[in-house]
Amino acid sequence: MQTDMFDIVDRSKHDSVMKAMDTINRTMGKDTVRVGTQGFNRHWWLKQEKLSQCYTTRWDQLPLVT
């Protein structure tokens, strides 16, 4: 995590909230508790059928545009 010298965010508070959310989601089911920025009604999903197996870490698996 990169911060600046004027950073005043209490990281320990954020860590405890995230651990509590993870615990609830682990016991009650995925996405029982979410951060508000995740949204509520997600009507789209990432299409991964054209994703290379190595996630573009190999030059020979990049798609060619002609």
N, C-alpha and C. Protein backbone atom coordinates (compact mmCIF):
# COMPACT_ATOMS: atom_id res chain seq x y z
N MET A 1 0.85 -1.17 0.00
CA MET A 1 0.00 0.00 0.00
C MET A 1 0.90 1.24 0.00
N GLN A 2 0.63 2.10 -0.91
CA GLN A 2 1.41 3.33 -0.99
C GLN A 2 0.60 4.47 -0.39
N THR A 3 1.20 5.17 0.54
CA THR A 3 0.53 6.31 1.18
C THR A 3 1.40 7.54 1.05
N ASP A 4 0.88 8.65 1.49
CA ASP A 4 1.69 9.86 1.53
C ASP A 4 1.86 10.30 2.98
N MET A 5 2.63 11.34 3.18
CA MET A 5 2.92 11.74 4.55
C MET A 5 1.74 12.42 5.25
N PHE A 6 0.68 12.74 4.50
CA PHE A 6 -0.50 13.36 5.09
C PHE A 6 -1.64 12.37 5.27
N ASP A 7 -1.37 11.09 5.11
CA ASP A 7 -2.37 10.04 5.22
C ASP A 7 -2.82 9.92 6.68
N ILE A 8 -4.13 10.06 6.91
CA ILE A 8 -4.63 10.00 8.28
C ILE A 8 -5.67 8.89 8.46
N VAL A 9 -5.77 7.98 7.51
CA VAL A 9 -6.75 6.91 7.58
C VAL A 9 -6.30 5.90 8.63
N ASP A 10 -7.25 5.46 9.46
CA ASP A 10 -6.97 4.47 10.49
C ASP A 10 -7.07 3.08 9.87
N ARG A 11 -5.93 2.51 9.48
CA ARG A 11 -5.89 1.22 8.79
C ARG A 11 -6.35 0.08 9.69
N SER A 12 -6.10 0.15 10.98
CA SER A 12 -6.50 -0.94 11.87
C SER A 12 -8.02 -1.06 11.93
N LYS A 13 -8.72 0.06 11.87
CA LYS A 13 -10.19 0.04 11.87
C LYS A 13 -10.70 -0.60 10.58
N HIS A 14 -10.09 -0.25 9.46
CA HIS A 14 -10.50 -0.84 8.18
C HIS A 14 -10.24 -2.34 8.18
N ASP A 15 -9.11 -2.76 8.72
CA ASP A 15 -8.77 -4.18 8.77
C ASP A 15 -9.78 -4.95 9.61
N SER A 16 -10.18 -4.41 10.73
CA SER A 16 -11.14 -5.12 11.59
C SER A 16 -12.51 -5.20 10.93
N VAL A 17 -12.92 -4.15 10.22
CA VAL A 17 -14.20 -4.19 9.51
C VAL A 17 -14.16 -5.23 8.39
N MET A 18 -13.07 -5.28 7.65
CA MET A 18 -12.96 -6.25 6.56
C MET A 18 -12.92 -7.68 7.10
N LYS A 19 -12.25 -7.90 8.23
CA LYS A 19 -12.22 -9.23 8.83
C LYS A 19 -13.62 -9.64 9.28
N ALA A 20 -14.37 -8.70 9.85
CA ALA A 20 -15.74 -9.00 10.26
C ALA A 20 -16.61 -9.33 9.05
N MET A 21 -16.47 -8.57 7.97
CA MET A 21 -17.24 -8.85 6.74
C MET A 21 -16.88 -10.22 6.18
N ASP A 22 -15.59 -10.55 6.18
CA ASP A 22 -15.16 -11.86 5.67
C ASP A 22 -15.73 -12.99 6.51
N THR A 23 -15.76 -12.81 7.82
CA THR A 23 -16.30 -13.83 8.71
C THR A 23 -17.80 -14.04 8.46
N ILE A 24 -18.53 -12.95 8.33
CA ILE A 24 -19.97 -13.05 8.06
C ILE A 24 -20.22 -13.72 6.72
N ASN A 25 -19.48 -13.31 5.69
CA ASN A 25 -19.67 -13.89 4.36
C ASN A 25 -19.26 -15.36 4.32
N ARG A 26 -18.27 -15.74 5.10
CA ARG A 26 -17.84 -17.13 5.14
C ARG A 26 -18.90 -18.01 5.81
N THR A 27 -19.55 -17.50 6.86
CA THR A 27 -20.53 -18.31 7.58
C THR A 27 -21.94 -18.22 6.98
N MET A 28 -22.32 -17.05 6.49
CA MET A 28 -23.70 -16.86 6.02
C MET A 28 -23.85 -16.99 4.51
N GLY A 29 -22.76 -17.02 3.77
CA GLY A 29 -22.83 -17.15 2.32
C GLY A 29 -22.21 -15.96 1.62
N LYS A 30 -21.76 -16.21 0.42
CA LYS A 30 -21.07 -15.19 -0.38
C LYS A 30 -21.96 -13.98 -0.61
N ASP A 31 -21.38 -12.80 -0.48
CA ASP A 31 -22.04 -11.51 -0.73
C ASP A 31 -23.23 -11.25 0.19
N THR A 32 -23.23 -11.83 1.39
CA THR A 32 -24.25 -11.48 2.37
C THR A 32 -24.05 -10.04 2.82
N VAL A 33 -22.81 -9.68 3.07
CA VAL A 33 -22.44 -8.30 3.43
C VAL A 33 -21.47 -7.82 2.36
N ARG A 34 -21.76 -6.64 1.80
CA ARG A 34 -20.90 -6.08 0.76
C ARG A 34 -20.62 -4.62 1.03
N VAL A 35 -19.57 -4.13 0.40
CA VAL A 35 -19.26 -2.71 0.43
C VAL A 35 -20.21 -2.01 -0.53
N GLY A 36 -20.68 -0.84 -0.17
CA GLY A 36 -21.67 -0.13 -0.99
C GLY A 36 -21.21 0.16 -2.40
N THR A 37 -19.93 0.29 -2.62
CA THR A 37 -19.44 0.59 -3.97
C THR A 37 -19.52 -0.61 -4.89
N GLN A 38 -19.83 -1.79 -4.37
CA GLN A 38 -19.99 -2.97 -5.21
C GLN A 38 -21.31 -2.94 -5.96
N GLY A 39 -22.23 -2.12 -5.54
CA GLY A 39 -23.53 -2.05 -6.19
C GLY A 39 -24.47 -3.11 -5.66
N PHE A 40 -25.71 -3.05 -6.11
CA PHE A 40 -26.73 -3.97 -5.61
C PHE A 40 -27.22 -4.91 -6.69
N ASN A 41 -27.63 -4.37 -7.81
CA ASN A 41 -28.16 -5.20 -8.90
C ASN A 41 -27.18 -5.19 -10.05
N ARG A 42 -26.41 -6.24 -10.11
CA ARG A 42 -25.40 -6.34 -11.17
C ARG A 42 -25.99 -7.17 -12.30
N HIS A 43 -26.31 -6.51 -13.40
CA HIS A 43 -26.97 -7.18 -14.52
C HIS A 43 -25.97 -7.63 -15.58
N TRP A 44 -24.71 -7.46 -15.33
CA TRP A 44 -23.70 -7.85 -16.32
C TRP A 44 -22.60 -8.63 -15.62
N TRP A 45 -21.92 -9.46 -16.41
CA TRP A 45 -20.80 -10.23 -15.92
C TRP A 45 -19.68 -10.12 -16.93
N LEU A 46 -18.46 -10.19 -16.46
CA LEU A 46 -17.31 -10.14 -17.34
C LEU A 46 -17.31 -11.36 -18.25
N LYS A 47 -17.19 -11.13 -19.56
CA LYS A 47 -17.14 -12.24 -20.51
C LYS A 47 -15.69 -12.69 -20.63
N GLN A 48 -15.43 -13.92 -20.28
CA GLN A 48 -14.07 -14.41 -20.27
C GLN A 48 -13.82 -15.53 -21.28
N GLU A 49 -14.74 -15.72 -22.21
CA GLU A 49 -14.55 -16.82 -23.14
C GLU A 49 -13.39 -16.57 -24.11
N LYS A 50 -13.01 -15.31 -24.32
CA LYS A 50 -11.90 -15.00 -25.21
C LYS A 50 -10.61 -14.67 -24.46
N LEU A 51 -10.60 -14.90 -23.18
CA LEU A 51 -9.44 -14.63 -22.35
C LEU A 51 -8.40 -15.72 -22.58
N SER A 52 -7.15 -15.33 -22.77
CA SER A 52 -6.11 -16.34 -22.98
C SER A 52 -5.88 -17.11 -21.68
N GLN A 53 -5.33 -18.29 -21.81
CA GLN A 53 -5.09 -19.13 -20.65
C GLN A 53 -4.05 -18.54 -19.72
N CYS A 54 -3.11 -17.78 -20.24
CA CYS A 54 -2.05 -17.21 -19.41
C CYS A 54 -2.31 -15.75 -19.08
N TYR A 55 -3.52 -15.27 -19.38
CA TYR A 55 -3.90 -13.90 -19.06
C TYR A 55 -2.89 -12.89 -19.59
N THR A 56 -2.51 -13.07 -20.82
CA THR A 56 -1.59 -12.21 -21.57
C THR A 56 -0.22 -12.09 -20.92
N THR A 57 0.22 -13.13 -20.25
CA THR A 57 1.59 -13.14 -19.74
C THR A 57 2.54 -13.77 -20.75
N ARG A 58 1.99 -14.32 -21.81
CA ARG A 58 2.82 -14.88 -22.87
C ARG A 58 2.51 -14.13 -24.16
N TRP A 59 3.55 -13.64 -24.83
CA TRP A 59 3.38 -12.86 -26.04
C TRP A 59 2.69 -13.67 -27.15
N ASP A 60 2.94 -14.98 -27.23
CA ASP A 60 2.36 -15.76 -28.29
C ASP A 60 0.86 -16.02 -28.10
N GLN A 61 0.30 -15.67 -26.94
CA GLN A 61 -1.13 -15.86 -26.72
C GLN A 61 -1.93 -14.57 -26.86
N LEU A 62 -1.28 -13.47 -27.19
CA LEU A 62 -2.00 -12.23 -27.41
C LEU A 62 -2.75 -12.31 -28.74
N PRO A 63 -3.98 -11.81 -28.81
CA PRO A 63 -4.70 -11.82 -30.09
C PRO A 63 -4.06 -10.87 -31.09
N LEU A 64 -4.08 -11.25 -32.35
CA LEU A 64 -3.51 -10.42 -33.41
C LEU A 64 -4.63 -9.63 -34.08
N VAL A 65 -4.38 -8.35 -34.30
CA VAL A 65 -5.32 -7.50 -35.02
C VAL A 65 -4.73 -7.21 -36.37
N THR A 66 -5.48 -7.54 -37.43
CA THR A 66 -4.96 -7.31 -38.78
C THR A 66 -5.80 -6.32 -39.52
